[in-house]
Amino acid sequence: QLFERSRPDLADIETIVMFGTDHSGAAGALTPTRQNYMTPHGIIPTDLEIVEGLAKTIGEKRAFSEELHHVKEHSIELALVWLNYYLGNREISLVPILCGSFQPFVSEGRDANSDESISVAIEYLRKVTADRRTLVVAAGDLAHIGPAFGDHKPASSVDKTRLAAKDAESIQAICSGDAESFLSLSRSESDARRICGLSAIYMTLKLAESSYGLSTGYAQCPADQSNSSWVSIVGALLYKEY
């Protein structure tokens, strides 16, 4: 539904900046790659000029020290299959960036805005995409609850109802384009929902500053055979006024 509703807006997109969850990434890591992504619908070429510029901005050692994570990480890969299908075979460039854990900004109370790598990366990406029709994508899930993710008891129907209510607050922050409110919700609950897309969604909201939008659908998906663990997901479309 997300990609179907976005189809009319994809016709003149020139560049995609995709932030994906890096499930094994270091705290605060932003990891681009020089490699291209292949999908069943063809190859989407990486924009080497932007990637090299980003690496110079945050430091090449920091940028590429975990580049191999792109080989096994599924977040960007899965989103690109759908996106490339709806794009057809149009010529387009990709800036794929895996985002590591935001735990220091949740449990330790550090301000994500004070992290130099994050702030300079956002500033650089805003600058280089300012004159392009750019699509910014967050490829990551919302909550993870139940024994599969470390909880001591199965998630009950009451737990799932409470989860939906808390997720609704996060979704409202997303649709308002409010990165700081989105992050502060997880901080206030000590990351109890384990939002694995926290860093990718935050970076997307920061880059798409002053955007607004709507949710295209919310679901809770079983994560084990006994239906005792659940992952929540949401689709949202944000638009930026010019």
Protein backbone atom coordinates (compact mmCIF):
# COMPACT_ATOMS: atom_id res chain seq x y z
CA GLN A 1 0.00 0.00 0.00
CA LEU A 2 2.85 2.40 0.84
CA PHE A 3 4.57 2.06 -2.52
CA GLU A 4 1.31 1.93 -4.46
CA ARG A 5 0.20 5.24 -2.93
CA SER A 6 3.60 6.79 -3.62
CA ARG A 7 3.66 5.71 -7.27
CA PRO A 8 2.53 9.10 -8.70
CA ASP A 9 5.29 10.87 -6.78
CA LEU A 10 8.08 8.62 -8.07
CA ALA A 11 7.89 9.69 -11.71
CA ASP A 12 10.46 12.49 -11.52
CA ILE A 13 12.67 11.29 -8.65
CA GLU A 14 16.37 11.65 -9.47
CA THR A 15 18.10 10.42 -6.31
CA ILE A 16 17.19 8.14 -3.42
CA VAL A 17 18.80 8.54 0.00
CA MET A 18 17.97 5.38 1.94
CA PHE A 19 18.68 5.01 5.65
CA GLY A 20 18.48 1.38 6.74
CA THR A 21 18.72 -0.29 10.11
CA ASP A 22 22.13 -1.86 10.75
CA HIS A 23 21.26 -4.56 13.29
CA SER A 24 24.94 -5.11 14.10
CA GLY A 25 26.18 -1.56 13.64
CA ALA A 26 28.21 0.36 16.19
CA ALA A 27 26.58 3.08 18.26
CA GLY A 28 25.94 6.16 16.15
CA ALA A 29 27.54 4.63 13.06
CA LEU A 30 26.55 5.91 9.62
CA THR A 31 27.84 3.48 7.01
CA PRO A 32 27.52 4.14 3.27
CA THR A 33 28.85 1.81 0.59
CA ARG A 34 30.54 2.28 -2.75
CA GLN A 35 28.90 -0.90 -4.07
CA ASN A 36 25.71 -1.10 -6.13
CA TYR A 37 22.57 -2.88 -4.98
CA MET A 38 21.06 -5.55 -7.22
CA THR A 39 17.37 -6.46 -7.17
CA PRO A 40 15.33 -8.94 -9.25
CA HIS A 41 14.28 -5.91 -11.29
CA GLY A 42 17.81 -4.74 -12.03
CA ILE A 43 20.73 -2.85 -10.51
CA ILE A 44 20.33 0.52 -8.81
CA PRO A 45 23.66 2.32 -9.15
CA THR A 46 25.18 3.96 -6.10
CA ASP A 47 25.84 7.68 -6.41
CA LEU A 48 29.59 7.55 -5.86
CA GLU A 49 30.00 11.31 -5.88
CA ILE A 50 27.64 11.77 -2.95
CA VAL A 51 28.97 8.71 -1.11
CA GLU A 52 32.58 9.86 -1.42
CA GLY A 53 31.59 13.35 -0.31
CA LEU A 54 29.77 11.94 2.71
CA ALA A 55 32.78 9.80 3.61
CA LYS A 56 35.07 12.82 3.51
CA THR A 57 32.59 14.75 5.64
CA ILE A 58 32.37 12.21 8.47
CA GLY A 59 35.82 10.68 7.96
CA GLU A 60 36.59 7.79 5.63
CA LYS A 61 37.69 5.39 8.37
CA ARG A 62 34.47 5.94 10.30
CA ALA A 63 32.34 5.81 7.16
CA PHE A 64 33.66 2.54 5.74
CA SER A 65 34.87 0.57 8.78
CA GLU A 66 31.62 -1.43 8.77
CA GLU A 67 30.92 -1.34 5.02
CA LEU A 68 30.81 -5.16 4.88
CA HIS A 69 27.58 -5.02 6.89
CA HIS A 70 25.84 -4.13 3.62
CA VAL A 71 26.50 -7.69 2.42
CA LYS A 72 24.26 -9.40 4.98
CA GLU A 73 21.99 -6.61 6.23
CA HIS A 74 18.45 -6.95 4.84
CA SER A 75 16.89 -3.56 5.64
CA ILE A 76 17.94 -1.59 2.55
CA GLU A 77 17.87 -4.69 0.37
CA LEU A 78 14.21 -5.50 1.08
CA ALA A 79 12.99 -1.95 0.61
CA LEU A 80 14.82 -1.62 -2.70
CA VAL A 81 13.09 -4.68 -4.19
CA TRP A 82 9.73 -2.98 -3.82
CA LEU A 83 10.99 0.46 -4.73
CA ASN A 84 12.79 -0.69 -7.87
CA TYR A 85 9.64 -2.52 -8.98
CA TYR A 86 7.62 0.69 -8.78
CA LEU A 87 10.38 2.78 -10.34
CA GLY A 88 10.58 0.48 -13.35
CA ASN A 89 13.89 0.68 -15.18
CA ARG A 90 14.29 4.43 -14.96
CA GLU A 91 17.78 5.83 -14.47
CA ILE A 92 18.19 6.83 -10.86
CA SER A 93 21.00 7.01 -8.30
CA LEU A 94 21.10 5.64 -4.77
CA VAL A 95 22.80 6.75 -1.57
CA PRO A 96 22.57 3.67 0.72
CA ILE A 97 23.42 4.36 4.38
CA LEU A 98 23.19 1.83 7.20
CA CYS A 99 22.52 3.33 10.63
CA GLY A 100 23.89 1.80 13.81
CA SER A 101 22.41 1.74 17.30
CA PHE A 102 21.07 4.90 18.93
CA GLN A 103 21.44 3.42 22.40
CA PRO A 104 23.70 6.25 23.66
CA PHE A 105 20.99 8.76 22.78
CA VAL A 106 18.29 6.68 24.49
CA SER A 107 19.78 5.13 27.62
CA GLU A 108 22.64 7.54 28.28
CA GLY A 109 20.69 10.73 27.65
CA ARG A 110 23.12 12.07 25.05
CA ASP A 111 21.76 14.54 22.52
CA ALA A 112 21.84 13.13 18.99
CA ASN A 113 22.21 16.69 17.67
CA SER A 114 25.48 16.99 19.54
CA ASP A 115 26.99 14.03 17.72
CA GLU A 116 29.28 15.62 15.14
CA SER A 117 29.05 12.80 12.60
CA ILE A 118 25.26 12.92 12.58
CA SER A 119 25.00 16.70 12.37
CA VAL A 120 27.60 17.13 9.61
CA ALA A 121 26.17 14.20 7.64
CA ILE A 122 22.70 15.75 7.67
CA GLU A 123 24.09 19.15 6.71
CA TYR A 124 26.07 17.65 3.83
CA LEU A 125 23.17 15.55 2.50
CA ARG A 126 20.81 18.53 2.64
CA LYS A 127 23.30 20.57 0.62
CA VAL A 128 24.00 18.01 -2.13
CA THR A 129 20.34 17.08 -2.60
CA ALA A 130 18.95 20.62 -2.46
CA ASP A 131 18.70 20.96 -6.26
CA ARG A 132 17.59 17.38 -6.96
CA ARG A 133 14.22 15.68 -6.80
CA THR A 134 15.16 13.45 -3.88
CA LEU A 135 13.32 10.61 -2.19
CA VAL A 136 14.41 9.92 1.39
CA VAL A 137 13.53 6.47 2.74
CA ALA A 138 13.68 4.96 6.22
CA ALA A 139 13.98 1.18 5.97
CA GLY A 140 13.33 -0.12 9.47
CA ASP A 141 10.68 -1.58 11.77
CA LEU A 142 9.03 -0.20 14.87
CA ALA A 143 8.66 -2.23 18.10
CA HIS A 144 9.90 -5.69 19.08
CA ILE A 145 8.24 -7.31 22.11
CA GLY A 146 8.05 -10.81 23.62
CA PRO A 147 10.47 -13.61 24.58
CA ALA A 148 12.13 -13.63 21.14
CA PHE A 149 13.50 -10.18 22.00
CA GLY A 150 14.35 -10.70 25.67
CA ASP A 151 11.05 -10.20 27.49
CA HIS A 152 10.38 -12.67 30.32
CA LYS A 153 6.78 -13.47 29.38
CA PRO A 154 4.72 -13.84 26.21
CA ALA A 155 3.07 -10.71 24.85
CA SER A 156 -0.64 -10.82 25.72
CA SER A 157 -3.53 -9.19 23.90
CA VAL A 158 -3.40 -6.44 26.51
CA ASP A 159 0.31 -5.93 25.81
CA LYS A 160 -0.45 -5.66 22.09
CA THR A 161 -3.17 -3.07 22.73
CA ARG A 162 -0.80 -1.03 24.88
CA LEU A 163 1.85 -1.37 22.22
CA ALA A 164 -0.50 0.00 19.56
CA ALA A 165 -1.22 3.02 21.76
CA LYS A 166 2.47 3.75 22.30
CA ASP A 167 3.25 3.16 18.64
CA ALA A 168 0.52 5.65 17.73
CA GLU A 169 2.47 8.36 19.57
CA SER A 170 5.61 7.53 17.59
CA ILE A 171 3.66 7.45 14.33
CA GLN A 172 2.22 10.87 15.11
CA ALA A 173 5.75 12.22 15.58
CA ILE A 174 6.79 10.65 12.27
CA CYS A 175 3.84 12.12 10.38
CA SER A 176 4.59 15.52 11.94
CA GLY A 177 8.17 15.29 10.71
CA ASP A 178 9.35 15.71 14.30
CA ALA A 179 12.62 13.81 14.73
CA GLU A 180 13.28 15.02 18.27
CA SER A 181 9.84 14.04 19.57
CA PHE A 182 10.18 10.66 17.88
CA LEU A 183 13.50 10.03 19.65
CA SER A 184 12.36 11.42 23.01
CA LEU A 185 9.44 8.96 23.15
CA SER A 186 11.87 6.04 23.12
CA ARG A 187 14.13 7.82 25.59
CA SER A 188 11.25 8.40 28.02
CA GLU A 189 10.44 4.68 28.11
CA SER A 190 14.09 3.52 28.16
CA ASP A 191 13.68 1.89 24.76
CA ALA A 192 11.10 -0.56 26.13
CA ARG A 193 9.65 -1.14 22.65
CA ARG A 194 13.07 -1.79 21.08
CA ILE A 195 12.38 0.24 17.93
CA CYS A 196 15.09 -1.16 15.65
CA GLY A 197 14.40 1.50 13.02
CA LEU A 198 14.99 4.28 15.54
CA SER A 199 18.21 5.58 13.98
CA ALA A 200 17.08 5.19 10.36
CA ILE A 201 13.75 6.92 11.00
CA TYR A 202 15.41 9.70 12.99
CA MET A 203 17.92 10.38 10.23
CA THR A 204 15.15 10.41 7.64
CA LEU A 205 13.10 12.90 9.64
CA LYS A 206 16.14 15.14 10.14
CA LEU A 207 16.99 15.16 6.45
CA ALA A 208 13.35 15.71 5.49
CA GLU A 209 13.02 18.60 7.94
CA SER A 210 9.79 20.64 7.77
CA SER A 211 7.95 17.75 6.15
CA TYR A 212 4.50 16.49 7.01
CA GLY A 213 2.48 13.45 6.04
CA LEU A 214 0.23 10.56 6.84
CA SER A 215 0.35 6.92 7.83
CA THR A 216 -0.55 4.42 5.10
CA GLY A 217 -0.99 1.45 7.41
CA TYR A 218 0.03 -0.12 10.72
CA ALA A 219 0.36 -3.80 11.63
CA GLN A 220 1.69 -6.11 14.32
CA CYS A 221 3.40 -9.20 12.91
CA PRO A 222 4.11 -12.48 14.77
CA ALA A 223 7.81 -13.12 15.32
CA ASP A 224 7.75 -16.68 16.62
CA GLN A 225 5.81 -19.93 16.13
CA SER A 226 3.77 -19.52 19.32
CA ASN A 227 2.60 -15.96 18.54
CA SER A 228 4.13 -14.78 21.80
CA SER A 229 6.50 -12.23 20.25
CA TRP A 230 5.55 -9.43 17.88
CA VAL A 231 7.10 -6.81 15.59
CA SER A 232 5.15 -3.69 14.70
CA ILE A 233 5.50 -1.92 11.37
CA VAL A 234 4.15 1.23 9.79
CA GLY A 235 4.18 2.86 6.39
CA ALA A 236 4.18 6.66 6.17
CA LEU A 237 4.51 9.19 3.37
CA LEU A 238 6.00 12.59 4.11
CA TYR A 239 6.02 15.59 1.81
CA LYS A 240 8.18 18.67 1.92
CA GLU A 241 6.89 22.07 0.90
CA TYR A 242 9.02 24.20 -1.39
